[in-house]
Amino acid sequence: MKTYLCEEMMCDGCVSRINKGLDQAEIGHSVDLATKTVTIEEEKNCAEAVEILDDLGFSAVEQ
């Protein structure tokens, strides 16, 4: 499990976009708007998840 900070996450719309992108790739995750973080459940999916977040416009900084 790894957690990434996504400073650009500002609203529920951002959370929805992240959830949709990661769900489509079947990557287990959780999103926390209050802390602006995305947690990826399995480390084997982290590189793909970071790429998806980048494509969506969110920089993912590992915590």
PDB file of N, CA and C in Angstrom:
ATOM      1  N   MET A   1       0.850  -1.172   0.000  1.00  0.00           N
ATOM      2  CA  MET A   1       0.000   0.000   0.000  1.00  0.00           C
ATOM      3  C   MET A   1       0.896   1.236   0.000  1.00  0.00           C
ATOM      4  N   LYS A   2       0.586   2.159  -0.912  1.00  0.00           N
ATOM      5  CA  LYS A   2       1.324   3.425  -0.964  1.00  0.00           C
ATOM      6  C   LYS A   2       0.328   4.569  -1.046  1.00  0.00           C
ATOM      7  N   THR A   3       0.707   5.686  -0.442  1.00  0.00           N
ATOM      8  CA  THR A   3      -0.138   6.875  -0.443  1.00  0.00           C
ATOM      9  C   THR A   3       0.574   7.998  -1.191  1.00  0.00           C
ATOM     10  N   TYR A   4      -0.205   8.707  -2.008  1.00  0.00           N
ATOM     11  CA  TYR A   4       0.315   9.807  -2.812  1.00  0.00           C
ATOM     12  C   TYR A   4      -0.456  11.087  -2.521  1.00  0.00           C
ATOM     13  N   LEU A   5       0.275  12.188  -2.414  1.00  0.00           N
ATOM     14  CA  LEU A   5      -0.322  13.499  -2.249  1.00  0.00           C
ATOM     15  C   LEU A   5      -0.613  14.071  -3.626  1.00  0.00           C
ATOM     16  N   CYS A   6      -1.843  14.549  -3.816  1.00  0.00           N
ATOM     17  CA  CYS A   6      -2.258  15.169  -5.082  1.00  0.00           C
ATOM     18  C   CYS A   6      -2.762  16.571  -4.763  1.00  0.00           C
ATOM     19  N   GLU A   7      -1.836  17.531  -4.739  1.00  0.00           N
ATOM     20  CA  GLU A   7      -2.156  18.908  -4.344  1.00  0.00           C
ATOM     21  C   GLU A   7      -3.262  19.540  -5.190  1.00  0.00           C
ATOM     22  N   GLU A   8      -3.401  19.103  -6.436  1.00  0.00           N
ATOM     23  CA  GLU A   8      -4.388  19.712  -7.334  1.00  0.00           C
ATOM     24  C   GLU A   8      -5.821  19.281  -7.030  1.00  0.00           C
ATOM     25  N   MET A   9      -6.004  18.306  -6.166  1.00  0.00           N
ATOM     26  CA  MET A   9      -7.349  17.824  -5.822  1.00  0.00           C
ATOM     27  C   MET A   9      -8.053  18.893  -4.976  1.00  0.00           C
ATOM     28  N   MET A  10      -9.141  19.453  -5.514  1.00  0.00           N
ATOM     29  CA  MET A  10      -9.804  20.575  -4.852  1.00  0.00           C
ATOM     30  C   MET A  10     -11.264  20.330  -4.468  1.00  0.00           C
ATOM     31  N   CYS A  11     -11.935  19.367  -5.127  1.00  0.00           N
ATOM     32  CA  CYS A  11     -13.374  19.238  -4.913  1.00  0.00           C
ATOM     33  C   CYS A  11     -13.845  17.809  -5.164  1.00  0.00           C
ATOM     34  N   ASP A  12     -15.123  17.591  -4.939  1.00  0.00           N
ATOM     35  CA  ASP A  12     -15.701  16.268  -5.177  1.00  0.00           C
ATOM     36  C   ASP A  12     -15.612  15.864  -6.648  1.00  0.00           C
ATOM     37  N   GLY A  13     -15.591  16.831  -7.537  1.00  0.00           N
ATOM     38  CA  GLY A  13     -15.438  16.533  -8.965  1.00  0.00           C
ATOM     39  C   GLY A  13     -14.077  15.896  -9.241  1.00  0.00           C
ATOM     40  N   CYS A  14     -13.050  16.405  -8.568  1.00  0.00           N
ATOM     41  CA  CYS A  14     -11.708  15.824  -8.706  1.00  0.00           C
ATOM     42  C   CYS A  14     -11.711  14.389  -8.193  1.00  0.00           C
ATOM     43  N   VAL A  15     -12.338  14.178  -7.045  1.00  0.00           N
ATOM     44  CA  VAL A  15     -12.413  12.837  -6.462  1.00  0.00           C
ATOM     45  C   VAL A  15     -13.112  11.886  -7.431  1.00  0.00           C
ATOM     46  N   SER A  16     -14.191  12.347  -8.052  1.00  0.00           N
ATOM     47  CA  SER A  16     -14.931  11.516  -9.002  1.00  0.00           C
ATOM     48  C   SER A  16     -14.072  11.150 -10.206  1.00  0.00           C
ATOM     49  N   ARG A  17     -13.307  12.111 -10.723  1.00  0.00           N
ATOM     50  CA  ARG A  17     -12.437  11.850 -11.875  1.00  0.00           C
ATOM     51  C   ARG A  17     -11.366  10.821 -11.527  1.00  0.00           C
ATOM     52  N   ILE A  18     -10.781  10.964 -10.339  1.00  0.00           N
ATOM     53  CA  ILE A  18      -9.754  10.017  -9.902  1.00  0.00           C
ATOM     54  C   ILE A  18     -10.361   8.630  -9.733  1.00  0.00           C
ATOM     55  N   ASN A  19     -11.498   8.557  -9.041  1.00  0.00           N
ATOM     56  CA  ASN A  19     -12.157   7.266  -8.835  1.00  0.00           C
ATOM     57  C   ASN A  19     -12.485   6.601 -10.169  1.00  0.00           C
ATOM     58  N   LYS A  20     -13.023   7.361 -11.102  1.00  0.00           N
ATOM     59  CA  LYS A  20     -13.399   6.803 -12.398  1.00  0.00           C
ATOM     60  C   LYS A  20     -12.175   6.266 -13.140  1.00  0.00           C
ATOM     61  N   GLY A  21     -11.099   7.043 -13.163  1.00  0.00           N
ATOM     62  CA  GLY A  21      -9.891   6.627 -13.868  1.00  0.00           C
ATOM     63  C   GLY A  21      -9.272   5.372 -13.274  1.00  0.00           C
ATOM     64  N   LEU A  22      -9.183   5.312 -11.962  1.00  0.00           N
ATOM     65  CA  LEU A  22      -8.573   4.145 -11.315  1.00  0.00           C
ATOM     66  C   LEU A  22      -9.511   2.943 -11.337  1.00  0.00           C
ATOM     67  N   ASP A  23     -10.816   3.183 -11.229  1.00  0.00           N
ATOM     68  CA  ASP A  23     -11.781   2.078 -11.314  1.00  0.00           C
ATOM     69  C   ASP A  23     -11.746   1.424 -12.692  1.00  0.00           C
ATOM     70  N   GLN A  24     -11.643   2.238 -13.744  1.00  0.00           N
ATOM     71  CA  GLN A  24     -11.596   1.695 -15.102  1.00  0.00           C
ATOM     72  C   GLN A  24     -10.374   0.798 -15.295  1.00  0.00           C
ATOM     73  N   ALA A  25      -9.286   1.118 -14.600  1.00  0.00           N
ATOM     74  CA  ALA A  25      -8.073   0.306 -14.686  1.00  0.00           C
ATOM     75  C   ALA A  25      -8.091  -0.842 -13.671  1.00  0.00           C
ATOM     76  N   GLU A  26      -9.184  -0.930 -12.928  1.00  0.00           N
ATOM     77  CA  GLU A  26      -9.355  -1.973 -11.908  1.00  0.00           C
ATOM     78  C   GLU A  26      -8.230  -1.948 -10.878  1.00  0.00           C
ATOM     79  N   ILE A  27      -7.895  -0.731 -10.431  1.00  0.00           N
ATOM     80  CA  ILE A  27      -6.867  -0.542  -9.409  1.00  0.00           C
ATOM     81  C   ILE A  27      -7.562  -0.220  -8.090  1.00  0.00           C
ATOM     82  N   GLY A  28      -7.335  -1.058  -7.083  1.00  0.00           N
ATOM     83  CA  GLY A  28      -7.914  -0.828  -5.761  1.00  0.00           C
ATOM     84  C   GLY A  28      -7.292   0.408  -5.126  1.00  0.00           C
ATOM     85  N   HIS A  29      -8.147   1.282  -4.614  1.00  0.00           N
ATOM     86  CA  HIS A  29      -7.645   2.548  -4.086  1.00  0.00           C
ATOM     87  C   HIS A  29      -8.656   3.178  -3.138  1.00  0.00           C
ATOM     88  N   SER A  30      -8.208   4.225  -2.460  1.00  0.00           N
ATOM     89  CA  SER A  30      -9.105   5.090  -1.700  1.00  0.00           C
ATOM     90  C   SER A  30      -8.625   6.523  -1.901  1.00  0.00           C
ATOM     91  N   VAL A  31      -9.576   7.452  -1.873  1.00  0.00           N
ATOM     92  CA  VAL A  31      -9.281   8.863  -2.093  1.00  0.00           C
ATOM     93  C   VAL A  31      -9.774   9.645  -0.883  1.00  0.00           C
ATOM     94  N   ASP A  32      -8.942  10.564  -0.382  1.00  0.00           N
ATOM     95  CA  ASP A  32      -9.315  11.400   0.763  1.00  0.00           C
ATOM     96  C   ASP A  32      -9.149  12.855   0.375  1.00  0.00           C
ATOM     97  N   LEU A  33     -10.261  13.530   0.143  1.00  0.00           N
ATOM     98  CA  LEU A  33     -10.221  14.931  -0.275  1.00  0.00           C
ATOM     99  C   LEU A  33      -9.638  15.821   0.816  1.00  0.00           C
ATOM    100  N   ALA A  34      -9.964  15.541   2.073  1.00  0.00           N
ATOM    101  CA  ALA A  34      -9.502  16.380   3.188  1.00  0.00           C
ATOM    102  C   ALA A  34      -7.974  16.459   3.251  1.00  0.00           C
ATOM    103  N   THR A  35      -7.308  15.347   2.977  1.00  0.00           N
ATOM    104  CA  THR A  35      -5.840  15.330   3.018  1.00  0.00           C
ATOM    105  C   THR A  35      -5.216  15.368   1.632  1.00  0.00           C
ATOM    106  N   LYS A  36      -6.070  15.391   0.594  1.00  0.00           N
ATOM    107  CA  LYS A  36      -5.632  15.425  -0.801  1.00  0.00           C
ATOM    108  C   LYS A  36      -4.724  14.238  -1.130  1.00  0.00           C
ATOM    109  N   THR A  37      -5.129  13.055  -0.652  1.00  0.00           N
ATOM    110  CA  THR A  37      -4.316  11.870  -0.873  1.00  0.00           C
ATOM    111  C   THR A  37      -5.086  10.767  -1.587  1.00  0.00           C
ATOM    112  N   VAL A  38      -4.317   9.947  -2.295  1.00  0.00           N
ATOM    113  CA  VAL A  38      -4.827   8.752  -2.953  1.00  0.00           C
ATOM    114  C   VAL A  38      -3.960   7.593  -2.455  1.00  0.00           C
ATOM    115  N   THR A  39      -4.608   6.565  -1.923  1.00  0.00           N
ATOM    116  CA  THR A  39      -3.893   5.395  -1.449  1.00  0.00           C
ATOM    117  C   THR A  39      -4.153   4.240  -2.409  1.00  0.00           C
ATOM    118  N   ILE A  40      -3.081   3.649  -2.900  1.00  0.00           N
ATOM    119  CA  ILE A  40      -3.155   2.509  -3.814  1.00  0.00           C
ATOM    120  C   ILE A  40      -2.949   1.240  -2.986  1.00  0.00           C
ATOM    121  N   GLU A  41      -3.880   0.310  -3.094  1.00  0.00           N
ATOM    122  CA  GLU A  41      -3.871  -0.871  -2.237  1.00  0.00           C
ATOM    123  C   GLU A  41      -2.719  -1.831  -2.526  1.00  0.00           C
ATOM    124  N   GLU A  42      -2.408  -2.069  -3.788  1.00  0.00           N
ATOM    125  CA  GLU A  42      -1.356  -3.020  -4.138  1.00  0.00           C
ATOM    126  C   GLU A  42      -0.206  -2.288  -4.821  1.00  0.00           C
ATOM    127  N   GLU A  43       1.005  -2.471  -4.279  1.00  0.00           N
ATOM    128  CA  GLU A  43       2.161  -1.752  -4.806  1.00  0.00           C
ATOM    129  C   GLU A  43       2.451  -2.064  -6.265  1.00  0.00           C
ATOM    130  N   LYS A  44       2.067  -3.256  -6.727  1.00  0.00           N
ATOM    131  CA  LYS A  44       2.313  -3.610  -8.132  1.00  0.00           C
ATOM    132  C   LYS A  44       1.551  -2.688  -9.084  1.00  0.00           C
ATOM    133  N   ASN A  45       0.507  -2.003  -8.599  1.00  0.00           N
ATOM    134  CA  ASN A  45      -0.306  -1.112  -9.427  1.00  0.00           C
ATOM    135  C   ASN A  45       0.117   0.356  -9.331  1.00  0.00           C
ATOM    136  N   CYS A  46       1.113   0.656  -8.507  1.00  0.00           N
ATOM    137  CA  CYS A  46       1.451   2.053  -8.244  1.00  0.00           C
ATOM    138  C   CYS A  46       1.926   2.808  -9.478  1.00  0.00           C
ATOM    139  N   ALA A  47       2.797   2.207 -10.276  1.00  0.00           N
ATOM    140  CA  ALA A  47       3.310   2.912 -11.456  1.00  0.00           C
ATOM    141  C   ALA A  47       2.177   3.251 -12.416  1.00  0.00           C
ATOM    142  N   GLU A  48       1.279   2.303 -12.645  1.00  0.00           N
ATOM    143  CA  GLU A  48       0.141   2.559 -13.532  1.00  0.00           C
ATOM    144  C   GLU A  48      -0.780   3.628 -12.936  1.00  0.00           C
ATOM    145  N   ALA A  49      -0.991   3.570 -11.627  1.00  0.00           N
ATOM    146  CA  ALA A  49      -1.858   4.545 -10.962  1.00  0.00           C
ATOM    147  C   ALA A  49      -1.281   5.952 -11.073  1.00  0.00           C
ATOM    148  N   VAL A  50       0.020   6.093 -10.872  1.00  0.00           N
ATOM    149  CA  VAL A  50       0.667   7.407 -10.983  1.00  0.00           C
ATOM    150  C   VAL A  50       0.522   7.939 -12.401  1.00  0.00           C
ATOM    151  N   GLU A  51       0.663   7.067 -13.393  1.00  0.00           N
ATOM    152  CA  GLU A  51       0.498   7.475 -14.794  1.00  0.00           C
ATOM    153  C   GLU A  51      -0.932   7.945 -15.058  1.00  0.00           C
ATOM    154  N   ILE A  52      -1.901   7.229 -14.535  1.00  0.00           N
ATOM    155  CA  ILE A  52      -3.309   7.615 -14.695  1.00  0.00           C
ATOM    156  C   ILE A  52      -3.564   8.962 -14.033  1.00  0.00           C
ATOM    157  N   LEU A  53      -3.065   9.134 -12.818  1.00  0.00           N
ATOM    158  CA  LEU A  53      -3.243  10.411 -12.114  1.00  0.00           C
ATOM    159  C   LEU A  53      -2.623  11.553 -12.910  1.00  0.00           C
ATOM    160  N   ASP A  54      -1.448  11.324 -13.461  1.00  0.00           N
ATOM    161  CA  ASP A  54      -0.777  12.341 -14.280  1.00  0.00           C
ATOM    162  C   ASP A  54      -1.618  12.683 -15.502  1.00  0.00           C
ATOM    163  N   ASP A  55      -2.151  11.650 -16.167  1.00  0.00           N
ATOM    164  CA  ASP A  55      -3.000  11.875 -17.343  1.00  0.00           C
ATOM    165  C   ASP A  55      -4.245  12.689 -16.983  1.00  0.00           C
ATOM    166  N   LEU A  56      -4.722  12.534 -15.749  1.00  0.00           N
ATOM    167  CA  LEU A  56      -5.908  13.272 -15.284  1.00  0.00           C
ATOM    168  C   LEU A  56      -5.552  14.682 -14.809  1.00  0.00           C
ATOM    169  N   GLY A  57      -4.259  15.014 -14.744  1.00  0.00           N
ATOM    170  CA  GLY A  57      -3.851  16.353 -14.345  1.00  0.00           C
ATOM    171  C   GLY A  57      -3.477  16.491 -12.886  1.00  0.00           C
ATOM    172  N   PHE A  58      -3.196  15.363 -12.223  1.00  0.00           N
ATOM    173  CA  PHE A  58      -2.835  15.398 -10.810  1.00  0.00           C
ATOM    174  C   PHE A  58      -1.403  14.893 -10.650  1.00  0.00           C
ATOM    175  N   SER A  59      -0.565  15.716 -10.011  1.00  0.00           N
ATOM    176  CA  SER A  59       0.795  15.250  -9.715  1.00  0.00           C
ATOM    177  C   SER A  59       0.699  14.376  -8.466  1.00  0.00           C
ATOM    178  N   ALA A  60       1.304  13.214  -8.513  1.00  0.00           N
ATOM    179  CA  ALA A  60       1.247  12.266  -7.397  1.00  0.00           C
ATOM    180  C   ALA A  60       2.618  12.208  -6.733  1.00  0.00           C
ATOM    181  N   VAL A  61       2.695  12.725  -5.513  1.00  0.00           N
ATOM    182  CA  VAL A  61       3.938  12.738  -4.761  1.00  0.00           C
ATOM    183  C   VAL A  61       3.834  11.700  -3.660  1.00  0.00           C
ATOM    184  N   GLU A  62       4.729  10.712  -3.696  1.00  0.00           N
ATOM    185  CA  GLU A  62       4.659   9.631  -2.710  1.00  0.00           C
ATOM    186  C   GLU A  62       4.880  10.172  -1.302  1.00  0.00           C
ATOM    187  N   GLN A  63       4.078   9.692  -0.376  1.00  0.00           N
ATOM    188  CA  GLN A  63       4.159  10.128   1.034  1.00  0.00           C
ATOM    189  C   GLN A  63       4.989   9.177   1.840  1.00  0.00           C
TER     190      GLN A  63
END
